[in-house]
Protein backbone atom coordinates (compact mmCIF):
# COMPACT_ATOMS: atom_id res chain seq x y z
CA UNK A 1 71.89 212.62 1.32
CA UNK A 2 70.31 215.99 1.87
CA UNK A 3 66.72 216.78 0.94
CA UNK A 4 64.93 220.05 0.34
CA UNK A 5 61.64 220.70 2.09
CA UNK A 6 59.52 219.53 -0.90
CA UNK A 7 61.68 216.38 -1.06
CA UNK A 8 61.10 215.76 2.65
CA UNK A 9 57.37 216.13 2.08
CA UNK A 10 57.55 213.68 -0.78
CA UNK A 11 59.47 211.14 1.29
CA UNK A 12 57.24 211.43 4.34
CA UNK A 13 53.87 212.05 2.78
CA UNK A 14 53.56 211.14 -0.88
CA UNK A 15 53.66 207.44 -0.07
CA UNK A 16 50.69 207.97 2.23
CA UNK A 17 47.21 207.67 0.66
CA UNK A 18 46.13 210.88 2.39
CA UNK A 19 49.31 212.78 1.41
CA UNK A 20 47.72 215.22 -1.01
CA UNK A 21 45.03 216.18 1.48
CA UNK A 22 47.60 216.69 4.25
CA UNK A 23 49.80 218.88 2.05
CA UNK A 24 46.80 220.88 0.90
CA UNK A 25 45.68 221.48 4.49
CA UNK A 26 49.17 222.62 5.46
CA UNK A 27 49.48 225.00 2.52
CA UNK A 28 46.04 226.42 3.29
CA UNK A 29 47.40 227.37 6.71
CA UNK A 30 50.86 228.48 5.59
CA UNK A 31 49.64 230.86 2.89
CA UNK A 32 47.31 232.74 5.26
CA UNK A 33 48.44 236.40 5.36
CA UNK A 34 47.14 237.32 8.83
CA UNK A 35 50.41 236.48 10.75
CA UNK A 36 52.28 238.78 8.37
CA UNK A 37 49.62 241.47 8.76
CA UNK A 38 50.01 241.38 12.55
CA UNK A 39 53.83 241.39 12.41
CA UNK A 40 53.87 244.12 9.78
CA UNK A 41 51.44 246.33 11.71
CA UNK A 42 53.57 245.86 14.87
CA UNK A 43 56.70 246.96 13.02
CA UNK A 44 54.86 249.97 11.53
CA UNK A 45 53.56 250.99 14.97
CA UNK A 46 57.07 250.62 16.39
CA UNK A 47 58.47 252.83 13.61
CA UNK A 48 55.80 255.51 14.16
CA UNK A 49 56.45 255.40 17.90
CA UNK A 50 60.18 255.80 17.27
CA UNK A 51 59.57 258.89 15.10
CA UNK A 52 57.21 260.32 17.69
CA UNK A 53 59.83 259.91 20.43
CA UNK A 54 62.60 261.34 18.32
CA UNK A 55 60.74 264.44 17.16
CA UNK A 56 62.61 266.60 14.67
CA UNK A 57 66.07 265.88 16.07
CA UNK A 58 66.72 262.74 14.04
CA UNK A 59 65.98 263.45 10.39
CA UNK A 60 68.11 260.57 9.08
CA UNK A 61 66.55 258.22 11.61
CA UNK A 62 63.08 259.22 10.48
CA UNK A 63 64.08 258.43 6.92
CA UNK A 64 65.25 254.95 8.01
CA UNK A 65 62.00 254.35 9.82
CA UNK A 66 60.06 255.51 6.76
CA UNK A 67 61.97 252.94 4.71
CA UNK A 68 61.12 250.29 7.32
CA UNK A 69 57.44 251.21 7.08
CA UNK A 70 57.57 251.15 3.27
CA UNK A 71 59.19 247.70 3.28
CA UNK A 72 56.47 246.39 5.57
CA UNK A 73 53.70 247.82 3.40
CA UNK A 74 55.22 246.21 0.29
CA UNK A 75 55.74 242.95 2.18
CA UNK A 76 52.14 242.83 3.39
CA UNK A 77 50.91 243.55 -0.14
CA UNK A 78 53.18 240.76 -1.43
CA UNK A 79 51.81 238.18 1.05
CA UNK A 80 48.22 239.17 0.29
CA UNK A 81 48.89 238.84 -3.45
CA UNK A 82 50.48 235.39 -2.95
CA UNK A 83 47.46 234.28 -0.91
CA UNK A 84 44.99 235.48 -3.56
CA UNK A 85 47.04 233.73 -6.24
CA UNK A 86 46.85 230.51 -4.19
CA UNK A 87 43.09 230.82 -3.74
CA UNK A 88 42.33 231.69 -7.36
CA UNK A 89 44.62 229.14 -9.04
CA UNK A 90 44.04 225.45 -9.62
CA UNK A 91 45.72 223.41 -6.91
CA UNK A 92 45.28 219.97 -8.50
CA UNK A 93 48.54 218.04 -9.05
CA UNK A 94 50.68 221.16 -8.43
CA UNK A 95 52.02 220.37 -4.96
CA UNK A 96 55.65 220.97 -5.97
CA UNK A 97 54.83 224.38 -7.45
CA UNK A 98 53.03 225.56 -4.33
CA UNK A 99 55.63 224.21 -1.89
CA UNK A 100 58.40 225.97 -3.80
CA UNK A 101 56.37 229.16 -3.99
CA UNK A 102 55.95 229.09 -0.23
CA UNK A 103 59.69 228.47 0.16
CA UNK A 104 60.44 231.65 -1.81
CA UNK A 105 57.78 233.70 -0.01
CA UNK A 106 59.15 232.58 3.39
CA UNK A 107 62.63 233.79 2.49
CA UNK A 108 61.21 237.10 1.23
CA UNK A 109 59.38 237.51 4.55
CA UNK A 110 62.57 236.79 6.51
CA UNK A 111 64.48 239.43 4.51
CA UNK A 112 61.67 241.98 4.85
CA UNK A 113 61.35 241.52 8.61
CA UNK A 114 65.10 241.44 9.12
CA UNK A 115 65.62 244.62 7.09
CA UNK A 116 62.83 246.55 8.80
CA UNK A 117 63.87 245.50 12.32
CA UNK A 118 67.53 246.25 11.57
CA UNK A 119 66.61 249.77 10.44
CA UNK A 120 64.67 250.30 13.67
CA UNK A 121 67.55 249.02 15.80
CA UNK A 122 69.96 251.46 14.13
CA UNK A 123 67.67 254.50 14.16
CA UNK A 124 65.27 254.08 17.09
CA UNK A 125 65.74 255.55 20.60
CA UNK A 126 66.85 253.13 23.29
CA UNK A 127 63.35 252.61 24.68
CA UNK A 128 62.15 251.48 21.22
CA UNK A 129 64.99 249.01 20.69
CA UNK A 130 63.61 246.67 23.35
CA UNK A 131 60.17 246.92 21.78
CA UNK A 132 61.85 246.01 18.46
CA UNK A 133 63.48 243.00 20.10
CA UNK A 134 60.10 241.96 21.50
CA UNK A 135 58.56 242.12 18.03
CA UNK A 136 61.43 240.02 16.66
CA UNK A 137 60.87 237.44 19.40
CA UNK A 138 57.14 237.31 18.63
CA UNK A 139 57.86 236.75 14.92
CA UNK A 140 60.31 233.99 15.78
CA UNK A 141 57.74 232.43 18.13
CA UNK A 142 55.11 232.51 15.38
CA UNK A 143 57.50 230.84 12.93
CA UNK A 144 58.39 228.22 15.54
CA UNK A 145 54.73 227.41 16.15
CA UNK A 146 54.26 226.60 12.45
CA UNK A 147 57.68 225.09 11.74
CA UNK A 148 56.37 221.52 12.00
CA UNK A 149 54.35 222.15 8.81
CA UNK A 150 57.29 223.49 6.77
CA UNK A 151 60.58 222.89 8.60
CA UNK A 152 63.20 224.07 6.11
CA UNK A 153 61.65 227.34 4.82
CA UNK A 154 60.57 228.53 8.26
CA UNK A 155 63.94 227.64 9.82
CA UNK A 156 65.75 229.58 7.08
CA UNK A 157 63.30 232.44 7.46
CA UNK A 158 64.07 232.59 11.19
CA UNK A 159 67.83 232.37 10.63
CA UNK A 160 67.75 235.24 8.13
CA UNK A 161 65.82 237.36 10.61
CA UNK A 162 68.09 236.51 13.56
CA UNK A 163 71.33 236.96 11.62
CA UNK A 164 70.28 240.37 10.39
CA UNK A 165 69.04 241.57 13.80
CA UNK A 166 72.07 240.23 15.73
CA UNK A 167 74.56 241.53 13.15
CA UNK A 168 72.97 244.96 13.17
CA UNK A 169 72.91 245.06 16.96
CA UNK A 170 76.58 244.07 17.19
CA UNK A 171 77.59 246.56 14.51
CA UNK A 172 75.63 249.24 16.33
CA UNK A 173 77.47 248.42 19.56
CA UNK A 174 74.38 247.13 21.36
CA UNK A 175 75.66 244.00 23.10
CA UNK A 176 72.40 243.47 25.03
CA UNK A 177 70.18 242.72 22.05
CA UNK A 178 72.57 240.28 20.46
CA UNK A 179 72.96 237.85 23.41
CA UNK A 180 69.25 238.03 24.17
CA UNK A 181 68.39 237.22 20.58
CA UNK A 182 70.85 234.32 20.49
CA UNK A 183 69.53 232.85 23.75
CA UNK A 184 65.93 233.19 22.58
CA UNK A 185 66.58 231.57 19.21
CA UNK A 186 68.48 228.74 20.92
CA UNK A 187 65.49 228.08 23.15
CA UNK A 188 63.10 228.27 20.21
CA UNK A 189 65.30 225.95 18.16
CA UNK A 190 64.88 223.21 20.75
CA UNK A 191 61.14 223.81 20.86
CA UNK A 192 60.99 223.82 17.06
CA UNK A 193 62.93 220.57 16.91
CA UNK A 194 60.46 218.89 19.25
CA UNK A 195 57.48 220.10 17.21
CA UNK A 196 59.04 218.93 13.95
CA UNK A 197 59.93 215.55 15.43
CA UNK A 198 56.40 215.18 16.78
CA UNK A 199 54.86 215.95 13.38
CA UNK A 200 57.18 213.55 11.58
CA UNK A 201 56.28 210.81 14.07
CA UNK A 202 52.63 211.59 13.42
CA UNK A 203 53.16 211.34 9.66
CA UNK A 204 55.08 208.10 10.05
CA UNK A 205 52.34 206.68 12.27
CA UNK A 206 49.74 207.67 9.68
CA UNK A 207 51.83 206.12 6.93
CA UNK A 208 52.24 202.89 8.93
CA UNK A 209 48.53 202.86 9.70
CA UNK A 210 47.61 203.31 6.02
CA UNK A 211 50.11 200.61 5.09
CA UNK A 212 48.60 198.18 7.60
CA UNK A 213 45.09 199.05 6.45
CA UNK A 214 46.12 198.47 2.85
CA UNK A 215 47.62 195.10 3.82
CA UNK A 216 44.44 194.22 5.69
CA UNK A 217 42.29 195.24 2.73
CA UNK A 218 44.46 193.15 0.39
CA UNK A 219 44.27 190.20 2.78
CA UNK A 220 40.48 190.54 2.88
CA UNK A 221 40.36 190.70 -0.93
CA UNK A 222 42.59 187.66 -1.20
CA UNK A 223 40.43 185.82 1.31
CA UNK A 224 37.27 186.79 -0.58
CA UNK A 225 38.80 185.57 -3.83
CA UNK A 226 39.89 182.34 -2.20
CA UNK A 227 36.43 181.81 -0.72
CA UNK A 228 34.83 182.55 -4.08
CA UNK A 229 37.20 180.12 -5.81
CA UNK A 230 36.46 177.51 -3.17
CA UNK A 231 32.72 178.07 -3.54
CA UNK A 232 32.96 177.74 -7.31
CA UNK A 233 35.11 174.63 -6.98
CA UNK A 234 32.55 173.11 -4.61
CA UNK A 235 29.79 173.74 -7.16
CA UNK A 236 31.67 173.03 -10.40
CA UNK A 237 32.44 169.79 -12.18
CA UNK A 238 36.20 169.48 -12.57
CA UNK A 239 36.17 167.87 -16.04
CA UNK A 240 33.53 169.84 -17.92
CA UNK A 241 33.43 173.12 -16.01
CA UNK A 242 29.63 172.84 -15.74
CA UNK A 243 27.70 172.96 -12.49
CA UNK A 244 28.02 169.72 -10.52
CA UNK A 245 25.32 167.61 -8.90
CA UNK A 246 25.22 169.73 -5.74
CA UNK A 247 24.82 172.96 -7.71
CA UNK A 248 22.13 171.28 -9.83
CA UNK A 249 20.12 170.30 -6.73
CA UNK A 250 20.40 173.80 -5.25
CA UNK A 251 19.37 175.50 -8.49
CA UNK A 252 16.43 173.18 -9.06
CA UNK A 253 15.28 173.73 -5.47
CA UNK A 254 15.58 177.48 -5.94
CA UNK A 255 13.14 177.60 -8.86
CA UNK A 256 10.92 174.56 -8.30
CA UNK A 257 10.29 174.42 -4.56
CA UNK A 258 6.73 175.23 -3.44
CA UNK A 259 7.92 178.40 -1.71
CA UNK A 260 10.08 179.59 -4.62
CA UNK A 261 7.55 182.35 -5.30
CA UNK A 262 7.99 182.24 -9.09
CA UNK A 263 5.00 182.62 -11.41
CA UNK A 264 6.77 181.18 -14.44
CA UNK A 265 7.03 177.66 -15.80
CA UNK A 266 10.28 175.76 -15.29
CA UNK A 267 11.52 173.16 -17.76
CA UNK A 268 14.12 170.51 -17.10
CA UNK A 269 16.02 168.78 -19.92
CA UNK A 270 17.69 165.57 -18.83
CA UNK A 271 20.01 163.87 -21.36
CA UNK A 272 22.90 161.47 -21.70
CA UNK A 273 25.25 160.06 -24.33
CA UNK A 274 23.96 157.14 -26.35
CA UNK A 275 26.02 153.97 -25.90
CA UNK A 276 28.71 155.85 -23.99
CA UNK A 277 30.07 152.70 -22.34
CA UNK A 278 30.69 151.17 -25.76
CA UNK A 279 32.37 154.42 -26.90
CA UNK A 280 34.64 154.34 -23.85
CA UNK A 281 35.52 150.69 -24.31
CA UNK A 282 36.29 151.20 -28.00
CA UNK A 283 38.21 154.49 -27.95
CA UNK A 284 39.49 154.73 -24.37
CA UNK A 285 38.71 156.87 -21.38
CA UNK A 286 40.68 159.85 -22.69
CA UNK A 287 38.47 159.98 -25.75
CA UNK A 288 35.47 159.56 -23.45
CA UNK A 289 36.54 162.58 -21.40
CA UNK A 290 36.99 164.59 -24.59
CA UNK A 291 33.51 163.54 -25.66
CA UNK A 292 32.03 164.81 -22.37
CA UNK A 293 33.91 168.11 -22.70
CA UNK A 294 32.50 168.66 -26.20
CA UNK A 295 28.97 167.90 -25.02
CA UNK A 296 29.39 170.34 -22.13
CA UNK A 297 30.36 173.11 -24.58
CA UNK A 298 27.29 172.32 -26.67
CA UNK A 299 25.08 172.41 -23.58
CA UNK A 300 26.55 175.73 -22.45
CA UNK A 301 25.85 177.17 -25.91
CA UNK A 302 22.11 176.61 -25.35
CA UNK A 303 21.92 178.98 -22.36
CA UNK A 304 20.38 182.36 -23.13
CA UNK A 305 19.51 183.60 -19.63
CA UNK A 306 21.53 184.04 -16.47
CA UNK A 307 18.94 182.03 -14.56
CA UNK A 308 19.46 179.00 -16.79
CA UNK A 309 21.90 176.33 -15.70
CA UNK A 310 23.82 173.56 -17.48
CA UNK A 311 25.00 170.79 -15.16
CA UNK A 312 26.76 167.47 -15.27
CA UNK A 313 24.43 165.26 -13.27
CA UNK A 314 26.82 162.33 -13.10
CA UNK A 315 28.85 160.12 -15.45
CA UNK A 316 27.58 160.78 -18.97
CA UNK A 317 24.30 162.34 -17.73
CA UNK A 318 23.66 166.06 -18.14
CA UNK A 319 20.82 168.45 -17.41
CA UNK A 320 19.57 171.90 -18.36
CA UNK A 321 17.40 173.85 -15.91
CA UNK A 322 15.38 176.45 -17.83
CA UNK A 323 13.31 178.84 -15.65
CA UNK A 324 10.68 180.80 -17.55
CA UNK A 325 10.61 178.22 -20.38
CA UNK A 326 7.49 176.40 -21.57
CA UNK A 327 7.49 172.79 -22.74
CA UNK A 328 7.31 173.75 -26.42
CA UNK A 329 10.26 176.12 -26.04
CA UNK A 330 12.21 173.48 -24.13
CA UNK A 331 11.59 171.00 -26.96
CA UNK A 332 13.05 173.45 -29.50
CA UNK A 333 16.12 173.93 -27.29
CA UNK A 334 16.51 170.17 -26.86
CA UNK A 335 16.25 169.56 -30.62
CA UNK A 336 18.84 172.27 -31.29
CA UNK A 337 21.17 170.68 -28.74
CA UNK A 338 20.65 167.19 -30.18
CA UNK A 339 21.42 168.39 -33.72
CA UNK A 340 24.48 170.35 -32.55
CA UNK A 341 25.92 167.30 -30.79
CA UNK A 342 25.26 165.12 -33.86
CA UNK A 343 27.22 167.51 -36.07
CA UNK A 344 30.10 167.96 -33.62
CA UNK A 345 33.06 165.74 -34.59
CA UNK A 346 35.17 164.11 -31.88
CA UNK A 347 38.78 163.58 -32.96
CA UNK A 348 39.92 160.10 -31.99
CA UNK A 349 43.32 158.77 -33.12
CA UNK A 350 43.32 161.00 -36.21
CA UNK A 351 39.71 160.18 -37.12
CA UNK A 352 36.45 162.06 -36.57
CA UNK A 353 33.82 160.17 -34.61
CA UNK A 354 30.24 161.36 -34.13
CA UNK A 355 28.00 160.56 -31.20
CA UNK A 356 24.32 161.10 -30.38
CA UNK A 357 22.37 161.98 -27.27
CA UNK A 358 18.89 161.18 -26.00
CA UNK A 359 16.89 163.84 -24.19
CA UNK A 360 13.91 163.87 -21.86
CA UNK A 361 11.91 166.98 -20.97
CA UNK A 362 9.59 167.74 -18.06
CA UNK A 363 7.92 171.06 -17.30
CA UNK A 364 6.23 172.30 -14.15
CA UNK A 365 3.56 174.91 -14.86
CA UNK A 366 2.37 177.69 -12.56
CA UNK A 367 -1.05 176.14 -12.06
CA UNK A 368 0.40 172.66 -11.60
CA UNK A 369 3.53 173.20 -9.55
CA UNK A 370 5.40 170.00 -8.58
CA UNK A 371 8.29 169.37 -6.22
CA UNK A 372 11.87 169.32 -7.61
CA UNK A 373 12.21 165.56 -7.10
CA UNK A 374 8.98 165.00 -9.03
CA UNK A 375 10.13 167.19 -11.92
CA UNK A 376 13.41 165.30 -12.01
CA UNK A 377 11.63 161.95 -11.98
CA UNK A 378 9.44 163.03 -14.91
CA UNK A 379 12.45 164.22 -16.91
CA UNK A 380 14.17 160.91 -16.17
CA UNK A 381 11.05 159.08 -17.35
CA UNK A 382 11.08 161.09 -20.59
CA UNK A 383 14.75 160.20 -21.11
CA UNK A 384 13.93 156.53 -20.49
CA UNK A 385 11.26 156.68 -23.21
CA UNK A 386 13.69 158.32 -25.63
CA UNK A 387 16.07 155.42 -25.06
CA UNK A 388 13.30 152.89 -25.53
CA UNK A 389 12.12 154.49 -28.75
CA UNK A 390 15.43 154.35 -30.57
CA UNK A 391 17.77 156.91 -28.97
CA UNK A 392 18.97 160.15 -30.61
CA UNK A 393 15.58 161.71 -29.99
CA UNK A 394 13.66 164.05 -27.69
CA UNK A 395 10.72 162.97 -25.54
CA UNK A 396 8.50 165.22 -23.44
CA UNK A 397 6.47 164.39 -20.34
CA UNK A 398 3.83 167.08 -20.12
CA UNK A 399 1.81 165.32 -17.39
CA UNK A 400 2.47 162.15 -15.44
CA UNK A 401 0.64 160.28 -12.75
CA UNK A 402 2.42 159.33 -9.56
CA UNK A 403 2.28 155.70 -10.72
CA UNK A 404 4.05 156.55 -13.98
CA UNK A 405 6.74 158.48 -12.12
CA UNK A 406 7.30 155.74 -9.56
CA UNK A 407 7.52 153.09 -12.29
CA UNK A 408 10.24 155.13 -13.96
């Protein structure tokens, strides 16, 4: 399957993350008019020199050289106009347009050079013909040096130039120019092939590198996701989706340790399901698990701050850690949670069963900071009192002596 130059660019570059930048850099170089200015000025100087050598003896030759000069002037103006159009137009997402425009402009250049040089070969004195051949070789060399950026258009440009110069030389009976031109283009073709192959290897290496980097980035992302999932699994209770005991301990230590640096009160609500063992024995463990899941959703609904945490402490025991929450505010939250759980029906064998919870609250104030284990012991003591005083209620420990805490 054959590909045009833009197709080759698409195959080799568009799959590369840096493709658009590479194509833009190449087109920036390829549209520059200065190589055409130099070649055009050389052809014009050669034509003027030919007229100067010929004097008034070759009127028709002078006309041919004038045509050659005119073609070069028009060609230079054309390349400058194309370059200004490239600079002044929006490049974004128009790679195909610009590559095809360069393709056309390269063929126009090949025709212009070939026509002008052919006119000089036919009309110029012998001493100018070799200068003309030199200029043709320089143009071919310039095209060869840039062929790795645009293989097809510059190869066709060179072929047009060579075919026109060689054909004109042969038709004119000059069998020295033709073999020299053929030998030179054969040498340049090998050099051009090496340059093109080198650039394509470079593109392929860049593509492979980007592909490997993309694979590495994806592997790193996958590893990060796996680590994050593992971290969450290590800190999450499998049944309820709440934080587990380990996460609870870490969070409580974060906000209640002496060196936590917080200047806000921290409240801890400790609660469990009333008569959960009897519920399990009566309705089965599956119903018990469903009961714990419903309570976990109720507990999660009480959180209003990203610093707050709902955790399953163990079995049917749960906890809420509420940084920045005073005892009175914690009581309101606990009462709202208790009422929500009371109203929440648990479907068991086609029936709706209701359960209750008992809650204990302890708060550590800024001026009376206690250790996490002490705060937990006070909350546990408050829960114990709620159980003793009839269940389905909230009890608060606002201050407790060490003796009280140890007795609990």
